[in-house]
Amino acid sequence: MTRIHRACRATFLSVVAVGALAGFTATAGAAADAIPTKIVRYADLDLTKPAGAKVLYQRIEAAAHEVCESASTHDLASLSRSHYCIEQAIDEAVRKVDSTALSELRFGSSPRLARQ
């Protein structure tokens, strides 16, 4: 992939609150319409360097917390769904970026890439 193509591809990344969101809505039909997303921009970062990957990882984490956190901090089930949603959203976003440095931050030395 050329550097120009990578820069264009790096314009934004959507963090999506996946699967676990169904528990936050009243009906399954409403869940499909209500899946929150947050755009995480990273065109300003060099993901070939660990520092750039670390900044993007922090942005992804913050976005996942924003779209997944439950308003209720006293309900254990809501906290569990929220935690699951956050973890899944981060995993999905990291896979979508497809950066070795970012994957190593999330998954360790053997990254689990989405599409091979």
PDB file of N, CA and C in Angstrom:
ATOM      1  N   MET A   1       0.861  -1.170   0.000  1.00  0.00           N
ATOM      2  CA  MET A   1       0.000   0.000   0.000  1.00  0.00           C
ATOM      3  C   MET A   1       0.908   1.234   0.000  1.00  0.00           C
ATOM      4  N   THR A   2       0.652   2.148  -0.896  1.00  0.00           N
ATOM      5  CA  THR A   2       1.482   3.338  -0.989  1.00  0.00           C
ATOM      6  C   THR A   2       1.205   4.278   0.165  1.00  0.00           C
ATOM      7  N   ARG A   3       2.133   5.163   0.424  1.00  0.00           N
ATOM      8  CA  ARG A   3       1.993   6.111   1.525  1.00  0.00           C
ATOM      9  C   ARG A   3       0.786   7.029   1.300  1.00  0.00           C
ATOM     10  N   ILE A   4       0.541   7.437   0.051  1.00  0.00           N
ATOM     11  CA  ILE A   4      -0.597   8.315  -0.249  1.00  0.00           C
ATOM     12  C   ILE A   4      -1.898   7.570   0.015  1.00  0.00           C
ATOM     13  N   HIS A   5      -1.987   6.335  -0.443  1.00  0.00           N
ATOM     14  CA  HIS A   5      -3.190   5.532  -0.220  1.00  0.00           C
ATOM     15  C   HIS A   5      -3.423   5.347   1.280  1.00  0.00           C
ATOM     16  N   ARG A   6      -2.367   5.079   2.039  1.00  0.00           N
ATOM     17  CA  ARG A   6      -2.478   4.906   3.483  1.00  0.00           C
ATOM     18  C   ARG A   6      -2.957   6.191   4.141  1.00  0.00           C
ATOM     19  N   ALA A   7      -2.474   7.340   3.681  1.00  0.00           N
ATOM     20  CA  ALA A   7      -2.894   8.620   4.246  1.00  0.00           C
ATOM     21  C   ALA A   7      -4.371   8.881   3.976  1.00  0.00           C
ATOM     22  N   CYS A   8      -4.827   8.536   2.780  1.00  0.00           N
ATOM     23  CA  CYS A   8      -6.248   8.711   2.460  1.00  0.00           C
ATOM     24  C   CYS A   8      -7.102   7.776   3.301  1.00  0.00           C
ATOM     25  N   ARG A   9      -6.647   6.571   3.471  1.00  0.00           N
ATOM     26  CA  ARG A   9      -7.367   5.579   4.250  1.00  0.00           C
ATOM     27  C   ARG A   9      -7.422   5.977   5.722  1.00  0.00           C
ATOM     28  N   ALA A  10      -6.434   6.718   6.165  1.00  0.00           N
ATOM     29  CA  ALA A  10      -6.320   7.092   7.571  1.00  0.00           C
ATOM     30  C   ALA A  10      -7.110   8.338   7.930  1.00  0.00           C
ATOM     31  N   THR A  11      -7.996   8.786   7.082  1.00  0.00           N
ATOM     32  CA  THR A  11      -8.764   9.987   7.359  1.00  0.00           C
ATOM     33  C   THR A  11      -9.610   9.851   8.613  1.00  0.00           C
ATOM     34  N   PHE A  12     -10.310   8.748   8.748  1.00  0.00           N
ATOM     35  CA  PHE A  12     -11.092   8.548   9.964  1.00  0.00           C
ATOM     36  C   PHE A  12     -11.359   7.076  10.200  1.00  0.00           C
ATOM     37  N   LEU A  13     -11.770   6.783  11.415  1.00  0.00           N
ATOM     38  CA  LEU A  13     -12.114   5.435  11.822  1.00  0.00           C
ATOM     39  C   LEU A  13     -13.337   5.532  12.701  1.00  0.00           C
ATOM     40  N   SER A  14     -14.329   4.730  12.444  1.00  0.00           N
ATOM     41  CA  SER A  14     -15.522   4.732  13.291  1.00  0.00           C
ATOM     42  C   SER A  14     -15.404   3.633  14.321  1.00  0.00           C
ATOM     43  N   VAL A  15     -15.598   4.000  15.570  1.00  0.00           N
ATOM     44  CA  VAL A  15     -15.656   3.015  16.636  1.00  0.00           C
ATOM     45  C   VAL A  15     -17.136   2.705  16.820  1.00  0.00           C
ATOM     46  N   VAL A  16     -17.486   1.458  16.664  1.00  0.00           N
ATOM     47  CA  VAL A  16     -18.893   1.060  16.742  1.00  0.00           C
ATOM     48  C   VAL A  16     -19.105   0.208  17.982  1.00  0.00           C
ATOM     49  N   ALA A  17     -20.137   0.522  18.709  1.00  0.00           N
ATOM     50  CA  ALA A  17     -20.521  -0.302  19.845  1.00  0.00           C
ATOM     51  C   ALA A  17     -21.246  -1.510  19.290  1.00  0.00           C
ATOM     52  N   VAL A  18     -20.561  -2.634  19.226  1.00  0.00           N
ATOM     53  CA  VAL A  18     -21.097  -3.827  18.580  1.00  0.00           C
ATOM     54  C   VAL A  18     -21.950  -4.672  19.521  1.00  0.00           C
ATOM     55  N   GLY A  19     -22.457  -5.763  19.020  1.00  0.00           N
ATOM     56  CA  GLY A  19     -23.255  -6.762  19.703  1.00  0.00           C
ATOM     57  C   GLY A  19     -23.832  -6.444  21.058  1.00  0.00           C
ATOM     58  N   ALA A  20     -23.028  -6.035  22.007  1.00  0.00           N
ATOM     59  CA  ALA A  20     -23.488  -5.836  23.376  1.00  0.00           C
ATOM     60  C   ALA A  20     -24.533  -4.745  23.482  1.00  0.00           C
ATOM     61  N   LEU A  21     -24.616  -3.890  22.505  1.00  0.00           N
ATOM     62  CA  LEU A  21     -25.572  -2.788  22.567  1.00  0.00           C
ATOM     63  C   LEU A  21     -27.000  -3.292  22.601  1.00  0.00           C
ATOM     64  N   ALA A  22     -27.253  -4.449  22.071  1.00  0.00           N
ATOM     65  CA  ALA A  22     -28.623  -4.970  22.048  1.00  0.00           C
ATOM     66  C   ALA A  22     -29.228  -5.010  23.442  1.00  0.00           C
ATOM     67  N   GLY A  23     -28.421  -5.205  24.456  1.00  0.00           N
ATOM     68  CA  GLY A  23     -28.913  -5.230  25.822  1.00  0.00           C
ATOM     69  C   GLY A  23     -29.297  -3.863  26.354  1.00  0.00           C
ATOM     70  N   PHE A  24     -28.884  -2.800  25.713  1.00  0.00           N
ATOM     71  CA  PHE A  24     -29.187  -1.448  26.170  1.00  0.00           C
ATOM     72  C   PHE A  24     -30.485  -0.899  25.605  1.00  0.00           C
ATOM     73  N   THR A  25     -31.082  -1.591  24.644  1.00  0.00           N
ATOM     74  CA  THR A  25     -32.284  -1.070  24.007  1.00  0.00           C
ATOM     75  C   THR A  25     -33.481  -1.942  24.325  1.00  0.00           C
ATOM     76  N   ALA A  26     -34.655  -1.391  24.158  1.00  0.00           N
ATOM     77  CA  ALA A  26     -35.883  -2.099  24.517  1.00  0.00           C
ATOM     78  C   ALA A  26     -36.206  -3.225  23.547  1.00  0.00           C
ATOM     79  N   THR A  27     -35.941  -3.040  22.259  1.00  0.00           N
ATOM     80  CA  THR A  27     -36.271  -4.076  21.274  1.00  0.00           C
ATOM     81  C   THR A  27     -35.092  -4.327  20.359  1.00  0.00           C
ATOM     82  N   ALA A  28     -35.070  -5.511  19.777  1.00  0.00           N
ATOM     83  CA  ALA A  28     -33.980  -5.846  18.860  1.00  0.00           C
ATOM     84  C   ALA A  28     -34.009  -4.948  17.637  1.00  0.00           C
ATOM     85  N   GLY A  29     -35.196  -4.602  17.154  1.00  0.00           N
ATOM     86  CA  GLY A  29     -35.313  -3.713  15.996  1.00  0.00           C
ATOM     87  C   GLY A  29     -34.733  -2.351  16.287  1.00  0.00           C
ATOM     88  N   ALA A  30     -34.966  -1.834  17.468  1.00  0.00           N
ATOM     89  CA  ALA A  30     -34.424  -0.529  17.851  1.00  0.00           C
ATOM     90  C   ALA A  30     -32.914  -0.597  17.985  1.00  0.00           C
ATOM     91  N   ALA A  31     -32.378  -1.753  18.372  1.00  0.00           N
ATOM     92  CA  ALA A  31     -30.930  -1.900  18.547  1.00  0.00           C
ATOM     93  C   ALA A  31     -30.192  -1.656  17.242  1.00  0.00           C
ATOM     94  N   ALA A  32     -30.728  -2.170  16.137  1.00  0.00           N
ATOM     95  CA  ALA A  32     -30.067  -1.995  14.846  1.00  0.00           C
ATOM     96  C   ALA A  32     -30.003  -0.525  14.449  1.00  0.00           C
ATOM     97  N   ASP A  33     -31.029   0.234  14.806  1.00  0.00           N
ATOM     98  CA  ASP A  33     -31.053   1.655  14.483  1.00  0.00           C
ATOM     99  C   ASP A  33     -30.243   2.492  15.468  1.00  0.00           C
ATOM    100  N   ALA A  34     -29.993   1.967  16.645  1.00  0.00           N
ATOM    101  CA  ALA A  34     -29.412   2.767  17.716  1.00  0.00           C
ATOM    102  C   ALA A  34     -27.934   2.491  17.975  1.00  0.00           C
ATOM    103  N   ILE A  35     -27.262   1.740  17.124  1.00  0.00           N
ATOM    104  CA  ILE A  35     -25.851   1.438  17.371  1.00  0.00           C
ATOM    105  C   ILE A  35     -25.044   2.723  17.242  1.00  0.00           C
ATOM    106  N   PRO A  36     -24.458   3.161  18.352  1.00  0.00           N
ATOM    107  CA  PRO A  36     -23.716   4.424  18.307  1.00  0.00           C
ATOM    108  C   PRO A  36     -22.343   4.254  17.662  1.00  0.00           C
ATOM    109  N   THR A  37     -21.895   5.291  17.023  1.00  0.00           N
ATOM    110  CA  THR A  37     -20.545   5.314  16.461  1.00  0.00           C
ATOM    111  C   THR A  37     -19.877   6.616  16.840  1.00  0.00           C
ATOM    112  N   LYS A  38     -18.588   6.607  16.774  1.00  0.00           N
ATOM    113  CA  LYS A  38     -17.793   7.809  17.050  1.00  0.00           C
ATOM    114  C   LYS A  38     -16.659   7.811  16.045  1.00  0.00           C
ATOM    115  N   ILE A  39     -16.487   8.897  15.351  1.00  0.00           N
ATOM    116  CA  ILE A  39     -15.393   9.004  14.387  1.00  0.00           C
ATOM    117  C   ILE A  39     -14.112   9.365  15.134  1.00  0.00           C
ATOM    118  N   VAL A  40     -13.076   8.580  14.861  1.00  0.00           N
ATOM    119  CA  VAL A  40     -11.762   8.806  15.457  1.00  0.00           C
ATOM    120  C   VAL A  40     -10.817   9.162  14.320  1.00  0.00           C
ATOM    121  N   ARG A  41     -10.408  10.384  14.286  1.00  0.00           N
ATOM    122  CA  ARG A  41      -9.515  10.846  13.213  1.00  0.00           C
ATOM    123  C   ARG A  41      -8.066  10.536  13.575  1.00  0.00           C
ATOM    124  N   TYR A  42      -7.308  10.116  12.553  1.00  0.00           N
ATOM    125  CA  TYR A  42      -5.900   9.821  12.811  1.00  0.00           C
ATOM    126  C   TYR A  42      -4.990  10.107  11.623  1.00  0.00           C
ATOM    127  N   ALA A  43      -5.440  10.944  10.718  1.00  0.00           N
ATOM    128  CA  ALA A  43      -4.609  11.305   9.573  1.00  0.00           C
ATOM    129  C   ALA A  43      -3.356  12.062  10.017  1.00  0.00           C
ATOM    130  N   ASP A  44      -3.414  12.656  11.200  1.00  0.00           N
ATOM    131  CA  ASP A  44      -2.281  13.421  11.709  1.00  0.00           C
ATOM    132  C   ASP A  44      -1.210  12.543  12.364  1.00  0.00           C
ATOM    133  N   LEU A  45      -1.443  11.241  12.435  1.00  0.00           N
ATOM    134  CA  LEU A  45      -0.525  10.347  13.142  1.00  0.00           C
ATOM    135  C   LEU A  45       0.259   9.462  12.180  1.00  0.00           C
ATOM    136  N   ASP A  46       1.489   9.156  12.560  1.00  0.00           N
ATOM    137  CA  ASP A  46       2.315   8.215  11.807  1.00  0.00           C
ATOM    138  C   ASP A  46       2.234   6.872  12.531  1.00  0.00           C
ATOM    139  N   LEU A  47       1.426   5.967  12.002  1.00  0.00           N
ATOM    140  CA  LEU A  47       1.201   4.688  12.664  1.00  0.00           C
ATOM    141  C   LEU A  47       2.342   3.707  12.488  1.00  0.00           C
ATOM    142  N   THR A  48       3.363   4.087  11.743  1.00  0.00           N
ATOM    143  CA  THR A  48       4.540   3.227  11.638  1.00  0.00           C
ATOM    144  C   THR A  48       5.445   3.416  12.846  1.00  0.00           C
ATOM    145  N   LYS A  49       5.156   4.428  13.648  1.00  0.00           N
ATOM    146  CA  LYS A  49       5.941   4.704  14.854  1.00  0.00           C
ATOM    147  C   LYS A  49       5.103   4.378  16.090  1.00  0.00           C
ATOM    148  N   PRO A  50       5.737   3.791  17.116  1.00  0.00           N
ATOM    149  CA  PRO A  50       5.004   3.435  18.332  1.00  0.00           C
ATOM    150  C   PRO A  50       4.270   4.620  18.976  1.00  0.00           C
ATOM    151  N   ALA A  51       4.853   5.800  18.925  1.00  0.00           N
ATOM    152  CA  ALA A  51       4.209   6.970  19.535  1.00  0.00           C
ATOM    153  C   ALA A  51       2.891   7.299  18.846  1.00  0.00           C
ATOM    154  N   GLY A  52       2.850   7.212  17.523  1.00  0.00           N
ATOM    155  CA  GLY A  52       1.621   7.476  16.781  1.00  0.00           C
ATOM    156  C   GLY A  52       0.561   6.432  17.075  1.00  0.00           C
ATOM    157  N   ALA A  53       0.980   5.165  17.143  1.00  0.00           N
ATOM    158  CA  ALA A  53       0.041   4.077  17.451  1.00  0.00           C
ATOM    159  C   ALA A  53      -0.527   4.248  18.860  1.00  0.00           C
ATOM    160  N   LYS A  54       0.304   4.673  19.790  1.00  0.00           N
ATOM    161  CA  LYS A  54      -0.151   4.859  21.170  1.00  0.00           C
ATOM    162  C   LYS A  54      -1.194   5.968  21.266  1.00  0.00           C
ATOM    163  N   VAL A  55      -0.982   7.059  20.560  1.00  0.00           N
ATOM    164  CA  VAL A  55      -1.951   8.160  20.565  1.00  0.00           C
ATOM    165  C   VAL A  55      -3.279   7.690  19.960  1.00  0.00           C
ATOM    166  N   LEU A  56      -3.227   6.952  18.846  1.00  0.00           N
ATOM    167  CA  LEU A  56      -4.457   6.461  18.241  1.00  0.00           C
ATOM    168  C   LEU A  56      -5.160   5.486  19.180  1.00  0.00           C
ATOM    169  N   TYR A  57      -4.416   4.622  19.840  1.00  0.00           N
ATOM    170  CA  TYR A  57      -5.016   3.673  20.768  1.00  0.00           C
ATOM    171  C   TYR A  57      -5.760   4.409  21.888  1.00  0.00           C
ATOM    172  N   GLN A  58      -5.164   5.483  22.389  1.00  0.00           N
ATOM    173  CA  GLN A  58      -5.826   6.282  23.428  1.00  0.00           C
ATOM    174  C   GLN A  58      -7.104   6.924  22.898  1.00  0.00           C
ATOM    175  N   ARG A  59      -7.078   7.387  21.671  1.00  0.00           N
ATOM    176  CA  ARG A  59      -8.274   7.977  21.050  1.00  0.00           C
ATOM    177  C   ARG A  59      -9.371   6.924  20.888  1.00  0.00           C
ATOM    178  N   ILE A  60      -8.979   5.730  20.450  1.00  0.00           N
ATOM    179  CA  ILE A  60      -9.945   4.647  20.270  1.00  0.00           C
ATOM    180  C   ILE A  60     -10.572   4.263  21.610  1.00  0.00           C
ATOM    181  N   GLU A  61      -9.731   4.146  22.637  1.00  0.00           N
ATOM    182  CA  GLU A  61     -10.252   3.817  23.978  1.00  0.00           C
ATOM    183  C   GLU A  61     -11.258   4.864  24.443  1.00  0.00           C
ATOM    184  N   ALA A  62     -10.909   6.124  24.296  1.00  0.00           N
ATOM    185  CA  ALA A  62     -11.800   7.205  24.734  1.00  0.00           C
ATOM    186  C   ALA A  62     -13.126   7.157  23.978  1.00  0.00           C
ATOM    187  N   ALA A  63     -13.073   6.913  22.674  1.00  0.00           N
ATOM    188  CA  ALA A  63     -14.291   6.843  21.871  1.00  0.00           C
ATOM    189  C   ALA A  63     -15.143   5.644  22.279  1.00  0.00           C
ATOM    190  N   ALA A  64     -14.513   4.516  22.535  1.00  0.00           N
ATOM    191  CA  ALA A  64     -15.253   3.322  22.949  1.00  0.00           C
ATOM    192  C   ALA A  64     -15.949   3.560  24.285  1.00  0.00           C
ATOM    193  N   HIS A  65     -15.261   4.196  25.211  1.00  0.00           N
ATOM    194  CA  HIS A  65     -15.881   4.523  26.497  1.00  0.00           C
ATOM    195  C   HIS A  65     -17.066   5.465  26.292  1.00  0.00           C
ATOM    196  N   GLU A  66     -16.903   6.415  25.412  1.00  0.00           N
ATOM    197  CA  GLU A  66     -17.970   7.388  25.169  1.00  0.00           C
ATOM    198  C   GLU A  66     -19.226   6.737  24.596  1.00  0.00           C
ATOM    199  N   VAL A  67     -19.065   5.826  23.633  1.00  0.00           N
ATOM    200  CA  VAL A  67     -20.239   5.230  22.994  1.00  0.00           C
ATOM    201  C   VAL A  67     -20.803   4.047  23.763  1.00  0.00           C
ATOM    202  N   CYS A  68     -20.035   3.462  24.655  1.00  0.00           N
ATOM    203  CA  CYS A  68     -20.482   2.238  25.320  1.00  0.00           C
ATOM    204  C   CYS A  68     -20.862   2.389  26.787  1.00  0.00           C
ATOM    205  N   GLU A  69     -20.356   3.384  27.464  1.00  0.00           N
ATOM    206  CA  GLU A  69     -20.595   3.441  28.900  1.00  0.00           C
ATOM    207  C   GLU A  69     -22.054   3.646  29.226  1.00  0.00           C
ATOM    208  N   SER A  70     -22.492   2.905  30.190  1.00  0.00           N
ATOM    209  CA  SER A  70     -23.871   2.965  30.655  1.00  0.00           C
ATOM    210  C   SER A  70     -24.031   4.110  31.643  1.00  0.00           C
ATOM    211  N   ALA A  71     -25.194   4.705  31.657  1.00  0.00           N
ATOM    212  CA  ALA A  71     -25.482   5.779  32.599  1.00  0.00           C
ATOM    213  C   ALA A  71     -25.579   5.241  34.022  1.00  0.00           C
ATOM    214  N   SER A  72     -25.939   3.979  34.156  1.00  0.00           N
ATOM    215  CA  SER A  72     -26.103   3.379  35.473  1.00  0.00           C
ATOM    216  C   SER A  72     -24.787   2.791  35.956  1.00  0.00           C
ATOM    217  N   THR A  73     -24.304   3.273  37.075  1.00  0.00           N
ATOM    218  CA  THR A  73     -23.083   2.720  37.660  1.00  0.00           C
ATOM    219  C   THR A  73     -23.408   1.797  38.830  1.00  0.00           C
ATOM    220  N   HIS A  74     -24.701   1.643  39.131  1.00  0.00           N
ATOM    221  CA  HIS A  74     -25.103   0.812  40.272  1.00  0.00           C
ATOM    222  C   HIS A  74     -25.655  -0.535  39.844  1.00  0.00           C
ATOM    223  N   ASP A  75     -25.910  -0.714  38.572  1.00  0.00           N
ATOM    224  CA  ASP A  75     -26.470  -1.954  38.048  1.00  0.00           C
ATOM    225  C   ASP A  75     -25.342  -2.815  37.501  1.00  0.00           C
ATOM    226  N   LEU A  76     -25.101  -3.957  38.137  1.00  0.00           N
ATOM    227  CA  LEU A  76     -24.007  -4.825  37.734  1.00  0.00           C
ATOM    228  C   LEU A  76     -24.159  -5.336  36.304  1.00  0.00           C
ATOM    229  N   ALA A  77     -25.371  -5.637  35.891  1.00  0.00           N
ATOM    230  CA  ALA A  77     -25.592  -6.130  34.526  1.00  0.00           C
ATOM    231  C   ALA A  77     -25.232  -5.048  33.509  1.00  0.00           C
ATOM    232  N   SER A  78     -25.613  -3.801  33.784  1.00  0.00           N
ATOM    233  CA  SER A  78     -25.278  -2.695  32.879  1.00  0.00           C
ATOM    234  C   SER A  78     -23.773  -2.480  32.816  1.00  0.00           C
ATOM    235  N   LEU A  79     -23.110  -2.584  33.950  1.00  0.00           N
ATOM    236  CA  LEU A  79     -21.649  -2.430  33.975  1.00  0.00           C
ATOM    237  C   LEU A  79     -20.976  -3.528  33.166  1.00  0.00           C
ATOM    238  N   SER A  80     -21.493  -4.742  33.277  1.00  0.00           N
ATOM    239  CA  SER A  80     -20.926  -5.863  32.539  1.00  0.00           C
ATOM    240  C   SER A  80     -21.114  -5.677  31.029  1.00  0.00           C
ATOM    241  N   ARG A  81     -22.323  -5.284  30.608  1.00  0.00           N
ATOM    242  CA  ARG A  81     -22.584  -5.033  29.180  1.00  0.00           C
ATOM    243  C   ARG A  81     -21.709  -3.892  28.666  1.00  0.00           C
ATOM    244  N   SER A  82     -21.559  -2.861  29.469  1.00  0.00           N
ATOM    245  CA  SER A  82     -20.750  -1.713  29.084  1.00  0.00           C
ATOM    246  C   SER A  82     -19.291  -2.128  28.879  1.00  0.00           C
ATOM    247  N   HIS A  83     -18.755  -2.906  29.812  1.00  0.00           N
ATOM    248  CA  HIS A  83     -17.364  -3.370  29.717  1.00  0.00           C
ATOM    249  C   HIS A  83     -17.172  -4.226  28.465  1.00  0.00           C
ATOM    250  N   TYR A  84     -18.109  -5.143  28.223  1.00  0.00           N
ATOM    251  CA  TYR A  84     -18.037  -5.995  27.048  1.00  0.00           C
ATOM    252  C   TYR A  84     -18.082  -5.158  25.763  1.00  0.00           C
ATOM    253  N   CYS A  85     -18.981  -4.200  25.721  1.00  0.00           N
ATOM    254  CA  CYS A  85     -19.128  -3.319  24.560  1.00  0.00           C
ATOM    255  C   CYS A  85     -17.825  -2.561  24.295  1.00  0.00           C
ATOM    256  N   ILE A  86     -17.229  -2.018  25.353  1.00  0.00           N
ATOM    257  CA  ILE A  86     -15.980  -1.262  25.223  1.00  0.00           C
ATOM    258  C   ILE A  86     -14.887  -2.147  24.644  1.00  0.00           C
ATOM    259  N   GLU A  87     -14.724  -3.334  25.207  1.00  0.00           N
ATOM    260  CA  GLU A  87     -13.678  -4.247  24.740  1.00  0.00           C
ATOM    261  C   GLU A  87     -13.889  -4.639  23.275  1.00  0.00           C
ATOM    262  N   GLN A  88     -15.115  -4.946  22.903  1.00  0.00           N
ATOM    263  CA  GLN A  88     -15.410  -5.339  21.529  1.00  0.00           C
ATOM    264  C   GLN A  88     -15.213  -4.173  20.559  1.00  0.00           C
ATOM    265  N   ALA A  89     -15.615  -2.975  20.964  1.00  0.00           N
ATOM    266  CA  ALA A  89     -15.456  -1.799  20.101  1.00  0.00           C
ATOM    267  C   ALA A  89     -13.980  -1.509  19.858  1.00  0.00           C
ATOM    268  N   ILE A  90     -13.165  -1.618  20.910  1.00  0.00           N
ATOM    269  CA  ILE A  90     -11.718  -1.387  20.760  1.00  0.00           C
ATOM    270  C   ILE A  90     -11.116  -2.442  19.844  1.00  0.00           C
ATOM    271  N   ASP A  91     -11.452  -3.714  20.093  1.00  0.00           N
ATOM    272  CA  ASP A  91     -10.931  -4.793  19.240  1.00  0.00           C
ATOM    273  C   ASP A  91     -11.254  -4.545  17.771  1.00  0.00           C
ATOM    274  N   GLU A  92     -12.516  -4.233  17.488  1.00  0.00           N
ATOM    275  CA  GLU A  92     -12.953  -4.022  16.105  1.00  0.00           C
ATOM    276  C   GLU A  92     -12.242  -2.832  15.461  1.00  0.00           C
ATOM    277  N   ALA A  93     -12.124  -1.746  16.192  1.00  0.00           N
ATOM    278  CA  ALA A  93     -11.463  -0.555  15.643  1.00  0.00           C
ATOM    279  C   ALA A  93      -9.991  -0.835  15.346  1.00  0.00           C
ATOM    280  N   VAL A  94      -9.319  -1.520  16.253  1.00  0.00           N
ATOM    281  CA  VAL A  94      -7.899  -1.837  16.045  1.00  0.00           C
ATOM    282  C   VAL A  94      -7.743  -2.740  14.822  1.00  0.00           C
ATOM    283  N   ARG A  95      -8.618  -3.716  14.684  1.00  0.00           N
ATOM    284  CA  ARG A  95      -8.550  -4.600  13.507  1.00  0.00           C
ATOM    285  C   ARG A  95      -8.762  -3.825  12.210  1.00  0.00           C
ATOM    286  N   LYS A  96      -9.705  -2.887  12.223  1.00  0.00           N
ATOM    287  CA  LYS A  96     -10.006  -2.114  11.019  1.00  0.00           C
ATOM    288  C   LYS A  96      -8.828  -1.256  10.577  1.00  0.00           C
ATOM    289  N   VAL A  97      -8.081  -0.724  11.520  1.00  0.00           N
ATOM    290  CA  VAL A  97      -6.933   0.114  11.166  1.00  0.00           C
ATOM    291  C   VAL A  97      -5.853  -0.729  10.494  1.00  0.00           C
ATOM    292  N   ASP A  98      -5.700  -1.970  10.936  1.00  0.00           N
ATOM    293  CA  ASP A  98      -4.735  -2.894  10.341  1.00  0.00           C
ATOM    294  C   ASP A  98      -3.309  -2.358  10.393  1.00  0.00           C
ATOM    295  N   SER A  99      -2.907  -1.894  11.569  1.00  0.00           N
ATOM    296  CA  SER A  99      -1.559  -1.408  11.808  1.00  0.00           C
ATOM    297  C   SER A  99      -0.866  -2.362  12.775  1.00  0.00           C
ATOM    298  N   THR A 100       0.325  -2.806  12.412  1.00  0.00           N
ATOM    299  CA  THR A 100       1.068  -3.728  13.267  1.00  0.00           C
ATOM    300  C   THR A 100       1.335  -3.123  14.639  1.00  0.00           C
ATOM    301  N   ALA A 101       1.790  -1.875  14.681  1.00  0.00           N
ATOM    302  CA  ALA A 101       2.106  -1.237  15.963  1.00  0.00           C
ATOM    303  C   ALA A 101       0.864  -1.108  16.839  1.00  0.00           C
ATOM    304  N   LEU A 102      -0.262  -0.755  16.251  1.00  0.00           N
ATOM    305  CA  LEU A 102      -1.508  -0.615  17.003  1.00  0.00           C
ATOM    306  C   LEU A 102      -2.003  -1.981  17.486  1.00  0.00           C
ATOM    307  N   SER A 103      -1.928  -2.977  16.625  1.00  0.00           N
ATOM    308  CA  SER A 103      -2.345  -4.331  16.998  1.00  0.00           C
ATOM    309  C   SER A 103      -1.495  -4.875  18.141  1.00  0.00           C
ATOM    310  N   GLU A 104      -0.215  -4.583  18.124  1.00  0.00           N
ATOM    311  CA  GLU A 104       0.655  -5.035  19.205  1.00  0.00           C
ATOM    312  C   GLU A 104       0.280  -4.375  20.531  1.00  0.00           C
ATOM    313  N   LEU A 105      -0.139  -3.119  20.489  1.00  0.00           N
ATOM    314  CA  LEU A 105      -0.585  -2.456  21.713  1.00  0.00           C
ATOM    315  C   LEU A 105      -1.815  -3.148  22.294  1.00  0.00           C
ATOM    316  N   ARG A 106      -2.724  -3.541  21.432  1.00  0.00           N
ATOM    317  CA  ARG A 106      -3.982  -4.135  21.888  1.00  0.00           C
ATOM    318  C   ARG A 106      -3.855  -5.615  22.197  1.00  0.00           C
ATOM    319  N   PHE A 107      -3.237  -6.361  21.287  1.00  0.00           N
ATOM    320  CA  PHE A 107      -3.258  -7.817  21.369  1.00  0.00           C
ATOM    321  C   PHE A 107      -1.931  -8.450  21.771  1.00  0.00           C
ATOM    322  N   GLY A 108      -0.890  -7.660  21.908  1.00  0.00           N
ATOM    323  CA  GLY A 108       0.414  -8.220  22.220  1.00  0.00           C
ATOM    324  C   GLY A 108       1.212  -8.536  20.974  1.00  0.00           C
ATOM    325  N   SER A 109       2.208  -9.392  21.100  1.00  0.00           N
ATOM    326  CA  SER A 109       3.122  -9.638  19.987  1.00  0.00           C
ATOM    327  C   SER A 109       2.524 -10.467  18.867  1.00  0.00           C
ATOM    328  N   SER A 110       1.417 -11.168  19.104  1.00  0.00           N
ATOM    329  CA  SER A 110       0.779 -11.908  18.012  1.00  0.00           C
ATOM    330  C   SER A 110      -0.596 -11.310  17.752  1.00  0.00           C
ATOM    331  N   PRO A 111      -0.640 -10.311  16.871  1.00  0.00           N
ATOM    332  CA  PRO A 111      -1.907  -9.630  16.614  1.00  0.00           C
ATOM    333  C   PRO A 111      -2.942 -10.538  15.953  1.00  0.00           C
ATOM    334  N   ARG A 112      -4.205 -10.325  16.309  1.00  0.00           N
ATOM    335  CA  ARG A 112      -5.324 -11.035  15.694  1.00  0.00           C
ATOM    336  C   ARG A 112      -5.919 -10.123  14.643  1.00  0.00           C
ATOM    337  N   LEU A 113      -5.416 -10.240  13.426  1.00  0.00           N
ATOM    338  CA  LEU A 113      -5.905  -9.369  12.361  1.00  0.00           C
ATOM    339  C   LEU A 113      -7.221  -9.904  11.810  1.00  0.00           C
ATOM    340  N   ALA A 114      -8.083  -8.985  11.425  1.00  0.00           N
ATOM    341  CA  ALA A 114      -9.451  -9.321  11.005  1.00  0.00           C
ATOM    342  C   ALA A 114      -9.466 -10.144   9.715  1.00  0.00           C
ATOM    343  N   ARG A 115      -8.830  -9.658   8.693  1.00  0.00           N
ATOM    344  CA  ARG A 115      -8.896 -10.312   7.383  1.00  0.00           C
ATOM    345  C   ARG A 115      -7.482 -10.685   6.928  1.00  0.00           C
ATOM    346  N   GLN A 116      -7.330 -11.943   6.617  1.00  0.00           N
ATOM    347  CA  GLN A 116      -6.008 -12.380   6.159  1.00  0.00           C
ATOM    348  C   GLN A 116      -6.090 -12.998   4.805  1.00  0.00           C
TER     349      GLN A 116
END
